[in-house]
Amino acid sequence: MRTMRKLFDGRGTSTLEFVVVLPVLLFVLFSIVELSRAWLTLNLATAAAREGVRAGVVAAPDSVSTAGDAKIDSILGSGTWTGGVTCAASPCAPDQVVSATVTLQFQTVVPLILPAMFGTMNITQTASMRYE
């Protein structure tokens, strides 16, 4: 009788269920965090490209790339991005297209858990405006 009671005892089942479900919940949590960080990096690259090209189109014709790159550096920090601000001709004339390309490297915080999903990837954003 005592053996039968132990077979149908429910103690410990909630712990076992928690152990089974915990890895899935942690994977979902870390995936949400990493996707949020990637989205933030994408938005940061977009804002930096827009501000850089805007600084370039209002700068002097011979300092378009210098002014735009300096603005991007002030937003992102020097050495953290690649790309730059360019004009279709040098020096830039009115109604020519000025474009800015910003590439940021995104690296996951949890590479051991989500290597197939992320790892390291480059996020590139481009913006263009006409020179004023």
N, C-alpha and C. Protein backbone atom coordinates (compact mmCIF):
# COMPACT_ATOMS: atom_id res chain seq x y z
N MET A 1 0.82 -1.19 0.00
CA MET A 1 0.00 0.00 0.00
C MET A 1 0.87 1.26 0.00
N ARG A 2 1.93 1.23 0.77
CA ARG A 2 2.82 2.36 0.86
C ARG A 2 3.51 2.61 -0.48
N THR A 3 3.85 1.58 -1.22
CA THR A 3 4.50 1.71 -2.52
C THR A 3 3.54 2.35 -3.52
N MET A 4 2.31 2.00 -3.49
CA MET A 4 1.32 2.58 -4.40
C MET A 4 1.14 4.07 -4.11
N ARG A 5 1.17 4.44 -2.86
CA ARG A 5 1.01 5.83 -2.49
C ARG A 5 2.19 6.66 -3.03
N LYS A 6 3.41 6.11 -3.00
CA LYS A 6 4.57 6.81 -3.51
C LYS A 6 4.51 6.95 -5.03
N LEU A 7 3.94 5.97 -5.73
CA LEU A 7 3.83 6.05 -7.18
C LEU A 7 2.92 7.18 -7.62
N PHE A 8 1.89 7.44 -6.89
CA PHE A 8 0.92 8.46 -7.27
C PHE A 8 1.10 9.78 -6.53
N ASP A 9 2.22 9.92 -5.85
CA ASP A 9 2.50 11.15 -5.12
C ASP A 9 2.85 12.25 -6.12
N GLY A 10 2.30 13.43 -5.98
CA GLY A 10 2.48 14.53 -6.92
C GLY A 10 3.61 15.48 -6.56
N ARG A 11 4.31 15.19 -5.46
CA ARG A 11 5.37 16.10 -5.06
C ARG A 11 6.52 16.06 -6.08
N GLY A 12 7.01 17.22 -6.45
CA GLY A 12 8.14 17.30 -7.37
C GLY A 12 7.76 17.45 -8.83
N THR A 13 6.49 17.29 -9.16
CA THR A 13 6.11 17.42 -10.57
C THR A 13 6.23 18.86 -11.05
N SER A 14 5.93 19.82 -10.20
CA SER A 14 6.07 21.22 -10.63
C SER A 14 7.54 21.58 -10.85
N THR A 15 8.42 21.01 -10.06
CA THR A 15 9.85 21.24 -10.26
C THR A 15 10.31 20.63 -11.58
N LEU A 16 9.85 19.46 -11.87
CA LEU A 16 10.20 18.80 -13.13
C LEU A 16 9.65 19.59 -14.32
N GLU A 17 8.43 20.07 -14.23
CA GLU A 17 7.87 20.88 -15.31
C GLU A 17 8.66 22.18 -15.49
N PHE A 18 9.08 22.78 -14.40
CA PHE A 18 9.88 24.00 -14.48
C PHE A 18 11.22 23.74 -15.16
N VAL A 19 11.85 22.64 -14.84
CA VAL A 19 13.13 22.29 -15.46
C VAL A 19 12.97 22.04 -16.95
N VAL A 20 11.85 21.50 -17.36
CA VAL A 20 11.61 21.24 -18.78
C VAL A 20 11.31 22.54 -19.53
N VAL A 21 10.56 23.45 -18.94
CA VAL A 21 10.12 24.66 -19.60
C VAL A 21 11.15 25.79 -19.52
N LEU A 22 12.02 25.79 -18.52
CA LEU A 22 12.97 26.88 -18.31
C LEU A 22 13.88 27.16 -19.51
N PRO A 23 14.48 26.17 -20.16
CA PRO A 23 15.33 26.49 -21.32
C PRO A 23 14.57 27.18 -22.45
N VAL A 24 13.36 26.79 -22.67
CA VAL A 24 12.55 27.43 -23.72
C VAL A 24 12.26 28.88 -23.35
N LEU A 25 11.89 29.12 -22.10
CA LEU A 25 11.61 30.48 -21.66
C LEU A 25 12.86 31.36 -21.72
N LEU A 26 14.00 30.83 -21.33
CA LEU A 26 15.24 31.60 -21.41
C LEU A 26 15.62 31.91 -22.85
N PHE A 27 15.41 30.95 -23.74
CA PHE A 27 15.70 31.18 -25.16
C PHE A 27 14.82 32.30 -25.72
N VAL A 28 13.55 32.27 -25.37
CA VAL A 28 12.63 33.32 -25.83
C VAL A 28 13.02 34.67 -25.23
N LEU A 29 13.37 34.71 -23.97
CA LEU A 29 13.77 35.95 -23.32
C LEU A 29 15.02 36.54 -23.96
N PHE A 30 16.07 35.72 -24.14
CA PHE A 30 17.30 36.22 -24.74
C PHE A 30 17.11 36.60 -26.20
N SER A 31 16.23 35.89 -26.90
CA SER A 31 15.94 36.26 -28.29
C SER A 31 15.28 37.63 -28.36
N ILE A 32 14.35 37.90 -27.47
CA ILE A 32 13.69 39.19 -27.44
C ILE A 32 14.70 40.29 -27.13
N VAL A 33 15.59 40.05 -26.17
CA VAL A 33 16.60 41.05 -25.82
C VAL A 33 17.52 41.32 -27.00
N GLU A 34 17.97 40.28 -27.68
CA GLU A 34 18.88 40.47 -28.81
C GLU A 34 18.20 41.14 -29.99
N LEU A 35 16.96 40.79 -30.27
CA LEU A 35 16.23 41.46 -31.34
C LEU A 35 16.01 42.94 -31.02
N SER A 36 15.78 43.24 -29.76
CA SER A 36 15.62 44.64 -29.36
C SER A 36 16.92 45.41 -29.53
N ARG A 37 18.04 44.80 -29.17
CA ARG A 37 19.33 45.45 -29.35
C ARG A 37 19.65 45.66 -30.82
N ALA A 38 19.32 44.67 -31.66
CA ALA A 38 19.56 44.81 -33.10
C ALA A 38 18.69 45.91 -33.68
N TRP A 39 17.46 46.01 -33.25
CA TRP A 39 16.56 47.06 -33.72
C TRP A 39 17.07 48.44 -33.29
N LEU A 40 17.58 48.54 -32.06
CA LEU A 40 18.15 49.79 -31.58
C LEU A 40 19.37 50.19 -32.42
N THR A 41 20.22 49.23 -32.74
CA THR A 41 21.39 49.51 -33.57
C THR A 41 20.98 49.96 -34.96
N LEU A 42 19.95 49.34 -35.52
CA LEU A 42 19.44 49.75 -36.82
C LEU A 42 18.92 51.18 -36.79
N ASN A 43 18.16 51.52 -35.77
CA ASN A 43 17.63 52.88 -35.64
C ASN A 43 18.74 53.89 -35.41
N LEU A 44 19.76 53.52 -34.67
CA LEU A 44 20.89 54.40 -34.43
C LEU A 44 21.66 54.67 -35.72
N ALA A 45 21.85 53.62 -36.53
CA ALA A 45 22.53 53.79 -37.82
C ALA A 45 21.71 54.67 -38.76
N THR A 46 20.40 54.51 -38.75
CA THR A 46 19.53 55.33 -39.59
C THR A 46 19.60 56.80 -39.19
N ALA A 47 19.51 57.06 -37.89
CA ALA A 47 19.57 58.43 -37.41
C ALA A 47 20.93 59.07 -37.71
N ALA A 48 22.00 58.32 -37.55
CA ALA A 48 23.33 58.85 -37.82
C ALA A 48 23.51 59.17 -39.30
N ALA A 49 23.00 58.31 -40.18
CA ALA A 49 23.11 58.56 -41.62
C ALA A 49 22.30 59.81 -41.99
N ARG A 50 21.12 59.96 -41.46
CA ARG A 50 20.29 61.14 -41.76
C ARG A 50 20.95 62.42 -41.26
N GLU A 51 21.45 62.39 -40.04
CA GLU A 51 22.09 63.59 -39.49
C GLU A 51 23.38 63.91 -40.23
N GLY A 52 24.14 62.89 -40.61
CA GLY A 52 25.37 63.13 -41.34
C GLY A 52 25.14 63.74 -42.71
N VAL A 53 24.14 63.23 -43.42
CA VAL A 53 23.85 63.79 -44.74
C VAL A 53 23.27 65.19 -44.61
N ARG A 54 22.50 65.43 -43.56
CA ARG A 54 21.96 66.79 -43.35
C ARG A 54 23.09 67.78 -43.05
N ALA A 55 24.05 67.36 -42.25
CA ALA A 55 25.20 68.24 -41.98
C ALA A 55 26.00 68.48 -43.26
N GLY A 56 26.04 67.48 -44.13
CA GLY A 56 26.78 67.64 -45.38
C GLY A 56 26.12 68.58 -46.36
N VAL A 57 24.79 68.55 -46.44
CA VAL A 57 24.12 69.39 -47.44
C VAL A 57 24.08 70.86 -47.05
N VAL A 58 24.29 71.18 -45.79
CA VAL A 58 24.30 72.59 -45.39
C VAL A 58 25.72 73.11 -45.19
N ALA A 59 26.73 72.28 -45.42
CA ALA A 59 28.12 72.69 -45.24
C ALA A 59 28.63 73.39 -46.50
N ALA A 60 29.81 73.92 -46.41
CA ALA A 60 30.45 74.55 -47.56
C ALA A 60 30.70 73.50 -48.64
N PRO A 61 30.72 73.90 -49.93
CA PRO A 61 30.85 72.92 -51.01
C PRO A 61 32.09 72.04 -50.95
N ASP A 62 33.18 72.55 -50.40
CA ASP A 62 34.40 71.74 -50.37
C ASP A 62 34.57 70.95 -49.07
N SER A 63 33.67 71.11 -48.11
CA SER A 63 33.79 70.38 -46.85
C SER A 63 32.55 69.54 -46.54
N VAL A 64 31.90 69.03 -47.58
CA VAL A 64 30.68 68.23 -47.39
C VAL A 64 31.00 66.96 -46.62
N SER A 65 31.99 66.21 -47.08
CA SER A 65 32.29 64.93 -46.43
C SER A 65 32.88 65.14 -45.04
N THR A 66 33.67 66.16 -44.85
CA THR A 66 34.26 66.42 -43.54
C THR A 66 33.19 66.77 -42.51
N ALA A 67 32.26 67.63 -42.88
CA ALA A 67 31.20 68.02 -41.95
C ALA A 67 30.26 66.86 -41.66
N GLY A 68 29.93 66.09 -42.69
CA GLY A 68 29.03 64.96 -42.49
C GLY A 68 29.66 63.87 -41.63
N ASP A 69 30.92 63.56 -41.91
CA ASP A 69 31.61 62.54 -41.12
C ASP A 69 31.78 62.98 -39.67
N ALA A 70 32.04 64.27 -39.45
CA ALA A 70 32.17 64.77 -38.09
C ALA A 70 30.86 64.65 -37.32
N LYS A 71 29.75 64.90 -38.01
CA LYS A 71 28.44 64.77 -37.35
C LYS A 71 28.15 63.31 -37.00
N ILE A 72 28.49 62.40 -37.90
CA ILE A 72 28.28 60.97 -37.61
C ILE A 72 29.19 60.53 -36.47
N ASP A 73 30.42 61.04 -36.46
CA ASP A 73 31.33 60.72 -35.35
C ASP A 73 30.78 61.22 -34.02
N SER A 74 30.14 62.37 -34.02
CA SER A 74 29.60 62.90 -32.77
C SER A 74 28.42 62.07 -32.27
N ILE A 75 27.72 61.41 -33.18
CA ILE A 75 26.58 60.59 -32.77
C ILE A 75 27.03 59.20 -32.36
N LEU A 76 27.87 58.57 -33.17
CA LEU A 76 28.24 57.18 -32.94
C LEU A 76 29.56 57.01 -32.20
N GLY A 77 30.41 57.98 -32.26
CA GLY A 77 31.74 57.83 -31.68
C GLY A 77 32.72 57.44 -32.77
N SER A 78 33.90 57.96 -32.68
CA SER A 78 34.88 57.73 -33.72
C SER A 78 35.40 56.30 -33.66
N GLY A 79 35.54 55.68 -34.82
CA GLY A 79 36.07 54.33 -34.91
C GLY A 79 35.05 53.22 -34.74
N THR A 80 33.79 53.54 -34.48
CA THR A 80 32.78 52.51 -34.29
C THR A 80 31.98 52.22 -35.55
N TRP A 81 32.20 53.00 -36.59
CA TRP A 81 31.40 52.86 -37.81
C TRP A 81 32.31 52.97 -39.02
N THR A 82 31.81 52.50 -40.16
CA THR A 82 32.51 52.67 -41.43
C THR A 82 31.54 53.29 -42.42
N GLY A 83 32.07 53.81 -43.49
CA GLY A 83 31.24 54.48 -44.50
C GLY A 83 31.65 55.93 -44.58
N GLY A 84 30.70 56.76 -44.95
CA GLY A 84 31.00 58.18 -45.03
C GLY A 84 29.98 58.95 -45.83
N VAL A 85 30.21 60.24 -45.90
CA VAL A 85 29.34 61.16 -46.63
C VAL A 85 30.05 61.54 -47.92
N THR A 86 29.35 61.41 -49.04
CA THR A 86 29.93 61.73 -50.34
C THR A 86 28.97 62.59 -51.15
N CYS A 87 29.55 63.37 -52.06
CA CYS A 87 28.77 64.17 -53.00
C CYS A 87 29.04 63.62 -54.39
N ALA A 88 28.09 63.84 -55.30
CA ALA A 88 28.23 63.33 -56.66
C ALA A 88 29.43 63.95 -57.36
N ALA A 89 29.75 65.19 -57.07
CA ALA A 89 30.90 65.87 -57.67
C ALA A 89 31.65 66.61 -56.57
N SER A 90 32.90 66.91 -56.85
CA SER A 90 33.68 67.64 -55.87
C SER A 90 34.24 68.90 -56.52
N PRO A 91 33.99 70.07 -56.05
CA PRO A 91 33.13 70.46 -54.93
C PRO A 91 31.66 70.30 -55.29
N CYS A 92 30.88 70.18 -54.27
CA CYS A 92 29.45 69.91 -54.45
C CYS A 92 28.74 71.18 -54.94
N ALA A 93 27.85 71.00 -55.91
CA ALA A 93 27.08 72.11 -56.46
C ALA A 93 25.61 71.95 -56.07
N PRO A 94 24.83 73.02 -56.12
CA PRO A 94 23.42 72.92 -55.76
C PRO A 94 22.68 71.87 -56.60
N ASP A 95 21.76 71.19 -55.96
CA ASP A 95 20.92 70.14 -56.53
C ASP A 95 21.66 68.84 -56.84
N GLN A 96 22.89 68.70 -56.42
CA GLN A 96 23.56 67.41 -56.55
C GLN A 96 23.23 66.55 -55.33
N VAL A 97 23.30 65.25 -55.52
CA VAL A 97 22.92 64.33 -54.47
C VAL A 97 24.10 64.10 -53.52
N VAL A 98 23.82 64.29 -52.25
CA VAL A 98 24.77 63.97 -51.19
C VAL A 98 24.24 62.74 -50.48
N SER A 99 25.09 61.73 -50.34
CA SER A 99 24.63 60.51 -49.69
C SER A 99 25.56 60.12 -48.55
N ALA A 100 24.98 59.50 -47.55
CA ALA A 100 25.74 59.04 -46.39
C ALA A 100 25.46 57.55 -46.20
N THR A 101 26.51 56.81 -45.98
CA THR A 101 26.39 55.37 -45.70
C THR A 101 27.04 55.11 -44.36
N VAL A 102 26.30 54.46 -43.47
CA VAL A 102 26.80 54.12 -42.15
C VAL A 102 26.68 52.62 -41.96
N THR A 103 27.78 51.98 -41.61
CA THR A 103 27.79 50.55 -41.34
C THR A 103 28.27 50.34 -39.91
N LEU A 104 27.45 49.68 -39.12
CA LEU A 104 27.79 49.35 -37.74
C LEU A 104 27.88 47.83 -37.62
N GLN A 105 28.79 47.37 -36.79
CA GLN A 105 28.90 45.93 -36.56
C GLN A 105 28.11 45.60 -35.29
N PHE A 106 27.15 44.69 -35.43
CA PHE A 106 26.33 44.26 -34.30
C PHE A 106 26.83 42.90 -33.85
N GLN A 107 27.16 42.81 -32.57
CA GLN A 107 27.61 41.54 -32.01
C GLN A 107 26.70 41.18 -30.85
N THR A 108 26.26 39.95 -30.84
CA THR A 108 25.33 39.50 -29.82
C THR A 108 26.02 39.43 -28.45
N VAL A 109 25.23 39.62 -27.41
CA VAL A 109 25.75 39.55 -26.05
C VAL A 109 25.86 38.10 -25.60
N VAL A 110 25.01 37.25 -26.12
CA VAL A 110 24.97 35.85 -25.72
C VAL A 110 25.34 34.94 -26.91
N PRO A 111 26.59 34.96 -27.34
CA PRO A 111 26.94 34.19 -28.54
C PRO A 111 26.86 32.68 -28.35
N LEU A 112 26.96 32.19 -27.12
CA LEU A 112 26.90 30.75 -26.91
C LEU A 112 25.48 30.21 -26.99
N ILE A 113 24.51 31.07 -26.70
CA ILE A 113 23.11 30.62 -26.70
C ILE A 113 22.49 30.80 -28.08
N LEU A 114 22.79 31.90 -28.76
CA LEU A 114 22.15 32.22 -30.03
C LEU A 114 23.14 32.37 -31.19
N PRO A 115 24.09 31.45 -31.39
CA PRO A 115 25.07 31.68 -32.46
C PRO A 115 24.48 31.57 -33.85
N ALA A 116 23.57 30.67 -34.05
CA ALA A 116 23.00 30.50 -35.38
C ALA A 116 22.09 31.66 -35.74
N MET A 117 21.47 32.26 -34.76
CA MET A 117 20.54 33.33 -35.02
C MET A 117 21.27 34.64 -35.30
N PHE A 118 22.32 34.94 -34.55
CA PHE A 118 22.99 36.22 -34.70
C PHE A 118 24.48 36.08 -34.94
N GLY A 119 25.25 35.90 -33.88
CA GLY A 119 26.69 35.97 -34.03
C GLY A 119 27.08 37.42 -34.25
N THR A 120 27.78 37.69 -35.35
CA THR A 120 28.16 39.05 -35.70
C THR A 120 27.59 39.38 -37.07
N MET A 121 26.98 40.55 -37.19
CA MET A 121 26.45 40.95 -38.49
C MET A 121 26.63 42.46 -38.65
N ASN A 122 26.71 42.88 -39.90
CA ASN A 122 26.86 44.30 -40.22
C ASN A 122 25.49 44.89 -40.53
N ILE A 123 25.23 46.04 -39.95
CA ILE A 123 23.99 46.77 -40.21
C ILE A 123 24.36 48.02 -40.98
N THR A 124 23.81 48.16 -42.18
CA THR A 124 24.15 49.28 -43.06
C THR A 124 22.89 50.08 -43.36
N GLN A 125 23.01 51.39 -43.22
CA GLN A 125 21.92 52.30 -43.56
C GLN A 125 22.46 53.41 -44.45
N THR A 126 21.63 53.85 -45.39
CA THR A 126 22.03 54.89 -46.33
C THR A 126 20.95 55.98 -46.35
N ALA A 127 21.39 57.21 -46.44
CA ALA A 127 20.47 58.35 -46.57
C ALA A 127 21.03 59.27 -47.64
N SER A 128 20.13 59.95 -48.35
CA SER A 128 20.58 60.90 -49.38
C SER A 128 19.65 62.10 -49.41
N MET A 129 20.25 63.27 -49.73
CA MET A 129 19.52 64.52 -49.87
C MET A 129 20.19 65.35 -50.97
N ARG A 130 19.48 66.34 -51.46
CA ARG A 130 20.06 67.24 -52.45
C ARG A 130 20.83 68.35 -51.75
N TYR A 131 21.94 68.72 -52.34
CA TYR A 131 22.77 69.79 -51.77
C TYR A 131 22.05 71.12 -51.91
N GLU A 132 22.07 71.90 -50.86
CA GLU A 132 21.36 73.20 -50.86
C GLU A 132 22.25 74.34 -51.28
